[in-house]
Amino acid sequence: TQTGPTSDHTTGTDQGWYLYIETSSPQVAGDTARVLSPDIPAGTLCLQFWYHMYGTHVDTLNVYLREGTTLGTAVWTESGTQGNQWNQAQVSITKAATFKIVFEGVRGVGYRGDI
């Protein structure tokens, strides 16, 4: 309670789908969870996604562009509670080689921090 969404963004119901990081025990502060996309061909594109970061212990959501085994620097990041709502983000991407998109959630200091 007092964290995470009550419904998905697309349907607005509890019958929809979304990914989240669970921050209850046994997870501890600083733990990370990552989701990787399939390979994406080189080129220019716009990544658009919706995210929900609500709770007193929310830490950070990062987006990386991974080439090979190199994670690199985050191309987008948001930290702290962003209200009990879905928020939209956009990232312009230009890559000269095949890459993967990596979403990374970082656990905060307590269990009220699902991302």
N, C-alpha and C. Protein backbone atom coordinates (compact mmCIF):
# COMPACT_ATOMS: atom_id res chain seq x y z
N THR A 1 0.83 -1.19 0.00
CA THR A 1 0.00 0.00 0.00
C THR A 1 0.87 1.25 0.00
N GLN A 2 0.30 2.33 -0.40
CA GLN A 2 0.96 3.63 -0.46
C GLN A 2 2.20 3.60 -1.36
N THR A 3 2.16 2.74 -2.38
CA THR A 3 3.22 2.69 -3.38
C THR A 3 2.68 2.01 -4.62
N GLY A 4 3.28 2.26 -5.73
CA GLY A 4 2.89 1.60 -6.97
C GLY A 4 1.54 2.02 -7.48
N PRO A 5 1.23 1.66 -8.73
CA PRO A 5 -0.06 2.03 -9.33
C PRO A 5 -1.18 1.06 -8.94
N THR A 6 -2.41 1.53 -9.05
CA THR A 6 -3.57 0.68 -8.81
C THR A 6 -4.11 0.10 -10.12
N SER A 7 -3.59 0.60 -11.26
CA SER A 7 -4.00 0.11 -12.57
C SER A 7 -2.88 0.34 -13.57
N ASP A 8 -3.00 -0.29 -14.74
CA ASP A 8 -2.01 -0.03 -15.77
C ASP A 8 -2.35 1.27 -16.50
N HIS A 9 -1.43 1.76 -17.31
CA HIS A 9 -1.65 3.03 -18.00
C HIS A 9 -2.62 2.89 -19.17
N THR A 10 -2.50 1.82 -19.94
CA THR A 10 -3.24 1.70 -21.19
C THR A 10 -4.73 1.47 -20.99
N THR A 11 -5.09 0.51 -20.13
CA THR A 11 -6.51 0.21 -19.93
C THR A 11 -7.12 1.00 -18.78
N GLY A 12 -6.27 1.46 -17.86
CA GLY A 12 -6.77 2.17 -16.69
C GLY A 12 -7.50 1.27 -15.71
N THR A 13 -7.25 -0.06 -15.83
CA THR A 13 -7.91 -1.02 -14.94
C THR A 13 -6.86 -1.92 -14.30
N ASP A 14 -7.30 -2.74 -13.35
CA ASP A 14 -6.39 -3.70 -12.74
C ASP A 14 -6.28 -4.97 -13.59
N GLN A 15 -6.87 -4.97 -14.77
CA GLN A 15 -6.80 -6.11 -15.68
C GLN A 15 -5.68 -5.95 -16.71
N GLY A 16 -4.98 -4.82 -16.68
CA GLY A 16 -3.90 -4.57 -17.63
C GLY A 16 -2.57 -5.10 -17.13
N TRP A 17 -1.49 -4.68 -17.79
CA TRP A 17 -0.16 -5.21 -17.50
C TRP A 17 0.86 -4.08 -17.38
N TYR A 18 1.84 -4.30 -16.52
CA TYR A 18 2.99 -3.41 -16.42
C TYR A 18 4.09 -4.15 -15.68
N LEU A 19 5.32 -3.68 -15.83
CA LEU A 19 6.46 -4.23 -15.11
C LEU A 19 6.76 -3.32 -13.93
N TYR A 20 7.22 -3.91 -12.83
CA TYR A 20 7.61 -3.08 -11.69
C TYR A 20 8.68 -3.79 -10.89
N ILE A 21 9.38 -3.02 -10.06
CA ILE A 21 10.33 -3.63 -9.13
C ILE A 21 9.64 -3.73 -7.78
N GLU A 22 9.78 -4.89 -7.16
CA GLU A 22 9.22 -5.13 -5.83
C GLU A 22 10.27 -4.71 -4.80
N THR A 23 9.88 -3.85 -3.86
CA THR A 23 10.85 -3.31 -2.91
C THR A 23 10.68 -3.85 -1.49
N SER A 24 9.79 -4.81 -1.33
CA SER A 24 9.63 -5.43 0.00
C SER A 24 10.81 -6.34 0.31
N SER A 25 10.93 -6.74 1.59
CA SER A 25 11.98 -7.66 2.01
C SER A 25 11.89 -8.94 1.18
N PRO A 26 12.99 -9.51 0.76
CA PRO A 26 14.34 -9.35 1.26
C PRO A 26 15.19 -8.31 0.51
N GLN A 27 14.59 -7.51 -0.40
CA GLN A 27 15.36 -6.50 -1.10
C GLN A 27 15.90 -5.47 -0.11
N VAL A 28 17.06 -4.89 -0.46
CA VAL A 28 17.69 -3.88 0.39
C VAL A 28 18.03 -2.66 -0.44
N ALA A 29 18.28 -1.55 0.23
CA ALA A 29 18.62 -0.29 -0.45
C ALA A 29 19.75 -0.50 -1.43
N GLY A 30 19.58 0.04 -2.63
CA GLY A 30 20.60 -0.05 -3.66
C GLY A 30 20.46 -1.24 -4.59
N ASP A 31 19.60 -2.22 -4.24
CA ASP A 31 19.37 -3.34 -5.16
C ASP A 31 18.83 -2.80 -6.47
N THR A 32 19.16 -3.47 -7.58
CA THR A 32 18.70 -3.04 -8.89
C THR A 32 17.97 -4.17 -9.61
N ALA A 33 17.08 -3.79 -10.49
CA ALA A 33 16.41 -4.73 -11.39
C ALA A 33 16.50 -4.12 -12.78
N ARG A 34 16.84 -4.95 -13.77
CA ARG A 34 16.99 -4.46 -15.14
C ARG A 34 16.14 -5.27 -16.11
N VAL A 35 15.61 -4.58 -17.10
CA VAL A 35 14.89 -5.19 -18.22
C VAL A 35 15.60 -4.73 -19.48
N LEU A 36 15.97 -5.70 -20.33
CA LEU A 36 16.68 -5.41 -21.57
C LEU A 36 15.79 -5.68 -22.77
N SER A 37 15.86 -4.81 -23.74
CA SER A 37 15.13 -5.00 -24.99
C SER A 37 15.88 -6.00 -25.87
N PRO A 38 15.23 -6.47 -26.91
CA PRO A 38 15.98 -7.21 -27.94
C PRO A 38 16.93 -6.23 -28.64
N ASP A 39 17.81 -6.74 -29.49
CA ASP A 39 18.71 -5.87 -30.26
C ASP A 39 17.89 -4.93 -31.14
N ILE A 40 18.35 -3.68 -31.20
CA ILE A 40 17.71 -2.65 -32.02
C ILE A 40 18.75 -2.19 -33.04
N PRO A 41 18.39 -2.14 -34.33
CA PRO A 41 19.36 -1.73 -35.34
C PRO A 41 19.78 -0.27 -35.17
N ALA A 42 20.97 0.04 -35.66
CA ALA A 42 21.48 1.42 -35.64
C ALA A 42 20.49 2.34 -36.34
N GLY A 43 20.47 3.59 -35.90
CA GLY A 43 19.60 4.57 -36.53
C GLY A 43 19.18 5.64 -35.55
N THR A 44 18.20 6.42 -35.96
CA THR A 44 17.66 7.50 -35.14
C THR A 44 16.21 7.17 -34.82
N LEU A 45 15.87 7.27 -33.55
CA LEU A 45 14.51 6.98 -33.14
C LEU A 45 14.17 7.73 -31.87
N CYS A 46 12.90 7.67 -31.51
CA CYS A 46 12.42 8.29 -30.27
C CYS A 46 11.83 7.19 -29.39
N LEU A 47 12.41 7.02 -28.22
CA LEU A 47 11.88 6.09 -27.23
C LEU A 47 10.84 6.84 -26.41
N GLN A 48 9.65 6.30 -26.34
CA GLN A 48 8.58 6.91 -25.56
C GLN A 48 8.01 5.84 -24.64
N PHE A 49 7.87 6.17 -23.36
CA PHE A 49 7.35 5.20 -22.40
C PHE A 49 6.64 5.92 -21.26
N TRP A 50 5.84 5.15 -20.52
CA TRP A 50 5.13 5.65 -19.36
C TRP A 50 5.73 5.01 -18.12
N TYR A 51 5.83 5.74 -17.04
CA TYR A 51 6.39 5.22 -15.80
C TYR A 51 5.57 5.72 -14.62
N HIS A 52 5.65 4.97 -13.52
CA HIS A 52 4.91 5.29 -12.30
C HIS A 52 5.88 5.17 -11.13
N MET A 53 6.12 6.25 -10.43
CA MET A 53 7.06 6.27 -9.30
C MET A 53 6.38 6.96 -8.14
N TYR A 54 5.75 6.15 -7.29
CA TYR A 54 4.98 6.73 -6.19
C TYR A 54 5.29 5.98 -4.90
N GLY A 55 5.64 6.73 -3.86
CA GLY A 55 5.93 6.16 -2.56
C GLY A 55 7.03 6.94 -1.88
N THR A 56 7.04 6.90 -0.56
CA THR A 56 8.01 7.69 0.20
C THR A 56 9.43 7.16 0.08
N HIS A 57 9.61 5.93 -0.42
CA HIS A 57 10.96 5.36 -0.51
C HIS A 57 11.42 5.14 -1.95
N VAL A 58 10.76 5.76 -2.92
CA VAL A 58 11.16 5.60 -4.32
C VAL A 58 12.57 6.13 -4.51
N ASP A 59 13.40 5.35 -5.20
CA ASP A 59 14.76 5.83 -5.50
C ASP A 59 14.84 6.29 -6.95
N THR A 60 15.36 5.46 -7.87
CA THR A 60 15.70 5.95 -9.20
C THR A 60 15.29 4.97 -10.29
N LEU A 61 14.84 5.53 -11.41
CA LEU A 61 14.63 4.79 -12.64
C LEU A 61 15.59 5.35 -13.68
N ASN A 62 16.40 4.46 -14.26
CA ASN A 62 17.39 4.85 -15.27
C ASN A 62 17.09 4.16 -16.59
N VAL A 63 17.46 4.82 -17.69
CA VAL A 63 17.41 4.20 -19.01
C VAL A 63 18.81 4.31 -19.61
N TYR A 64 19.31 3.18 -20.06
CA TYR A 64 20.64 3.10 -20.69
C TYR A 64 20.49 2.58 -22.11
N LEU A 65 21.51 2.85 -22.93
CA LEU A 65 21.63 2.27 -24.26
C LEU A 65 22.88 1.42 -24.24
N ARG A 66 22.71 0.11 -24.28
CA ARG A 66 23.84 -0.81 -24.14
C ARG A 66 24.32 -1.29 -25.51
N GLU A 67 25.62 -1.11 -25.75
CA GLU A 67 26.27 -1.65 -26.95
C GLU A 67 27.19 -2.76 -26.50
N GLY A 68 26.96 -3.97 -26.99
CA GLY A 68 27.75 -5.12 -26.54
C GLY A 68 27.51 -5.36 -25.06
N THR A 69 28.58 -5.37 -24.29
CA THR A 69 28.46 -5.57 -22.84
C THR A 69 28.63 -4.28 -22.06
N THR A 70 28.76 -3.15 -22.77
CA THR A 70 28.98 -1.86 -22.12
C THR A 70 27.65 -1.16 -21.86
N LEU A 71 27.37 -0.93 -20.57
CA LEU A 71 26.12 -0.27 -20.19
C LEU A 71 26.19 1.23 -20.47
N GLY A 72 27.32 1.84 -20.22
CA GLY A 72 27.47 3.26 -20.49
C GLY A 72 26.78 4.14 -19.47
N THR A 73 26.53 5.37 -19.85
CA THR A 73 25.92 6.37 -19.00
C THR A 73 24.41 6.42 -19.26
N ALA A 74 23.64 6.68 -18.23
CA ALA A 74 22.19 6.77 -18.40
C ALA A 74 21.84 7.91 -19.36
N VAL A 75 20.89 7.64 -20.28
CA VAL A 75 20.42 8.66 -21.21
C VAL A 75 19.16 9.34 -20.68
N TRP A 76 18.59 8.77 -19.62
CA TRP A 76 17.41 9.35 -18.97
C TRP A 76 17.40 8.83 -17.54
N THR A 77 17.03 9.69 -16.60
CA THR A 77 16.93 9.28 -15.20
C THR A 77 15.87 10.12 -14.49
N GLU A 78 15.20 9.50 -13.52
CA GLU A 78 14.25 10.21 -12.67
C GLU A 78 14.38 9.62 -11.27
N SER A 79 14.29 10.47 -10.27
CA SER A 79 14.45 10.01 -8.89
C SER A 79 13.36 10.58 -8.00
N GLY A 80 13.03 9.82 -6.95
CA GLY A 80 12.06 10.28 -5.97
C GLY A 80 10.63 10.08 -6.43
N THR A 81 9.71 10.24 -5.50
CA THR A 81 8.30 10.07 -5.83
C THR A 81 7.86 11.11 -6.86
N GLN A 82 7.07 10.67 -7.82
CA GLN A 82 6.57 11.56 -8.88
C GLN A 82 5.05 11.68 -8.85
N GLY A 83 4.47 11.31 -7.72
CA GLY A 83 3.02 11.38 -7.57
C GLY A 83 2.36 10.08 -7.96
N ASN A 84 1.14 9.89 -7.50
CA ASN A 84 0.40 8.66 -7.77
C ASN A 84 -0.27 8.77 -9.14
N GLN A 85 0.56 8.75 -10.18
CA GLN A 85 0.09 8.93 -11.55
C GLN A 85 1.09 8.34 -12.52
N TRP A 86 0.64 8.07 -13.73
CA TRP A 86 1.52 7.65 -14.80
C TRP A 86 2.08 8.90 -15.46
N ASN A 87 3.38 8.90 -15.71
CA ASN A 87 4.07 10.01 -16.36
C ASN A 87 4.70 9.52 -17.64
N GLN A 88 4.75 10.39 -18.63
CA GLN A 88 5.33 10.03 -19.92
C GLN A 88 6.73 10.59 -20.06
N ALA A 89 7.61 9.81 -20.67
CA ALA A 89 8.97 10.26 -20.94
C ALA A 89 9.31 9.99 -22.40
N GLN A 90 10.21 10.79 -22.93
CA GLN A 90 10.71 10.61 -24.30
C GLN A 90 12.22 10.78 -24.30
N VAL A 91 12.89 9.97 -25.09
CA VAL A 91 14.33 10.06 -25.24
C VAL A 91 14.66 9.97 -26.72
N SER A 92 15.35 10.97 -27.26
CA SER A 92 15.83 10.92 -28.64
C SER A 92 17.10 10.09 -28.69
N ILE A 93 17.16 9.17 -29.64
CA ILE A 93 18.29 8.24 -29.73
C ILE A 93 18.86 8.27 -31.14
N THR A 94 20.18 8.39 -31.21
CA THR A 94 20.90 8.23 -32.46
C THR A 94 22.08 7.31 -32.18
N LYS A 95 22.09 6.14 -32.79
CA LYS A 95 23.14 5.16 -32.57
C LYS A 95 23.70 4.69 -33.91
N ALA A 96 25.02 4.50 -33.96
CA ALA A 96 25.70 4.05 -35.18
C ALA A 96 25.87 2.53 -35.22
N ALA A 97 25.53 1.87 -34.12
CA ALA A 97 25.66 0.41 -34.05
C ALA A 97 24.43 -0.18 -33.36
N THR A 98 24.24 -1.48 -33.52
CA THR A 98 23.15 -2.18 -32.85
C THR A 98 23.26 -1.99 -31.34
N PHE A 99 22.13 -1.86 -30.67
CA PHE A 99 22.13 -1.61 -29.23
C PHE A 99 20.90 -2.22 -28.60
N LYS A 100 20.86 -2.22 -27.27
CA LYS A 100 19.70 -2.62 -26.49
C LYS A 100 19.31 -1.46 -25.58
N ILE A 101 18.02 -1.33 -25.33
CA ILE A 101 17.54 -0.38 -24.33
C ILE A 101 17.45 -1.12 -23.01
N VAL A 102 17.97 -0.49 -21.95
CA VAL A 102 17.96 -1.10 -20.62
C VAL A 102 17.23 -0.18 -19.65
N PHE A 103 16.16 -0.70 -19.05
CA PHE A 103 15.47 0.01 -17.99
C PHE A 103 15.99 -0.55 -16.67
N GLU A 104 16.39 0.33 -15.76
CA GLU A 104 16.93 -0.09 -14.48
C GLU A 104 16.22 0.62 -13.34
N GLY A 105 15.64 -0.15 -12.43
CA GLY A 105 15.04 0.40 -11.22
C GLY A 105 15.97 0.18 -10.05
N VAL A 106 16.13 1.19 -9.23
CA VAL A 106 17.00 1.11 -8.05
C VAL A 106 16.13 1.23 -6.80
N ARG A 107 16.28 0.27 -5.89
CA ARG A 107 15.49 0.27 -4.66
C ARG A 107 15.97 1.35 -3.70
N GLY A 108 15.02 2.02 -3.06
CA GLY A 108 15.34 3.02 -2.05
C GLY A 108 15.49 2.39 -0.68
N VAL A 109 15.33 3.19 0.37
CA VAL A 109 15.63 2.76 1.74
C VAL A 109 14.51 1.97 2.41
N GLY A 110 13.35 1.87 1.78
CA GLY A 110 12.24 1.15 2.41
C GLY A 110 11.34 0.48 1.39
N TYR A 111 10.27 -0.15 1.89
CA TYR A 111 9.39 -0.94 1.03
C TYR A 111 8.35 -0.11 0.26
N ARG A 112 8.21 1.15 0.58
CA ARG A 112 7.25 1.99 -0.15
C ARG A 112 7.95 2.69 -1.30
N GLY A 113 8.43 1.90 -2.24
CA GLY A 113 9.19 2.48 -3.33
C GLY A 113 9.11 1.69 -4.62
N ASP A 114 7.99 1.01 -4.88
CA ASP A 114 7.84 0.29 -6.15
C ASP A 114 7.93 1.26 -7.31
N ILE A 115 8.62 0.85 -8.36
CA ILE A 115 8.76 1.66 -9.57
C ILE A 115 8.19 0.85 -10.71
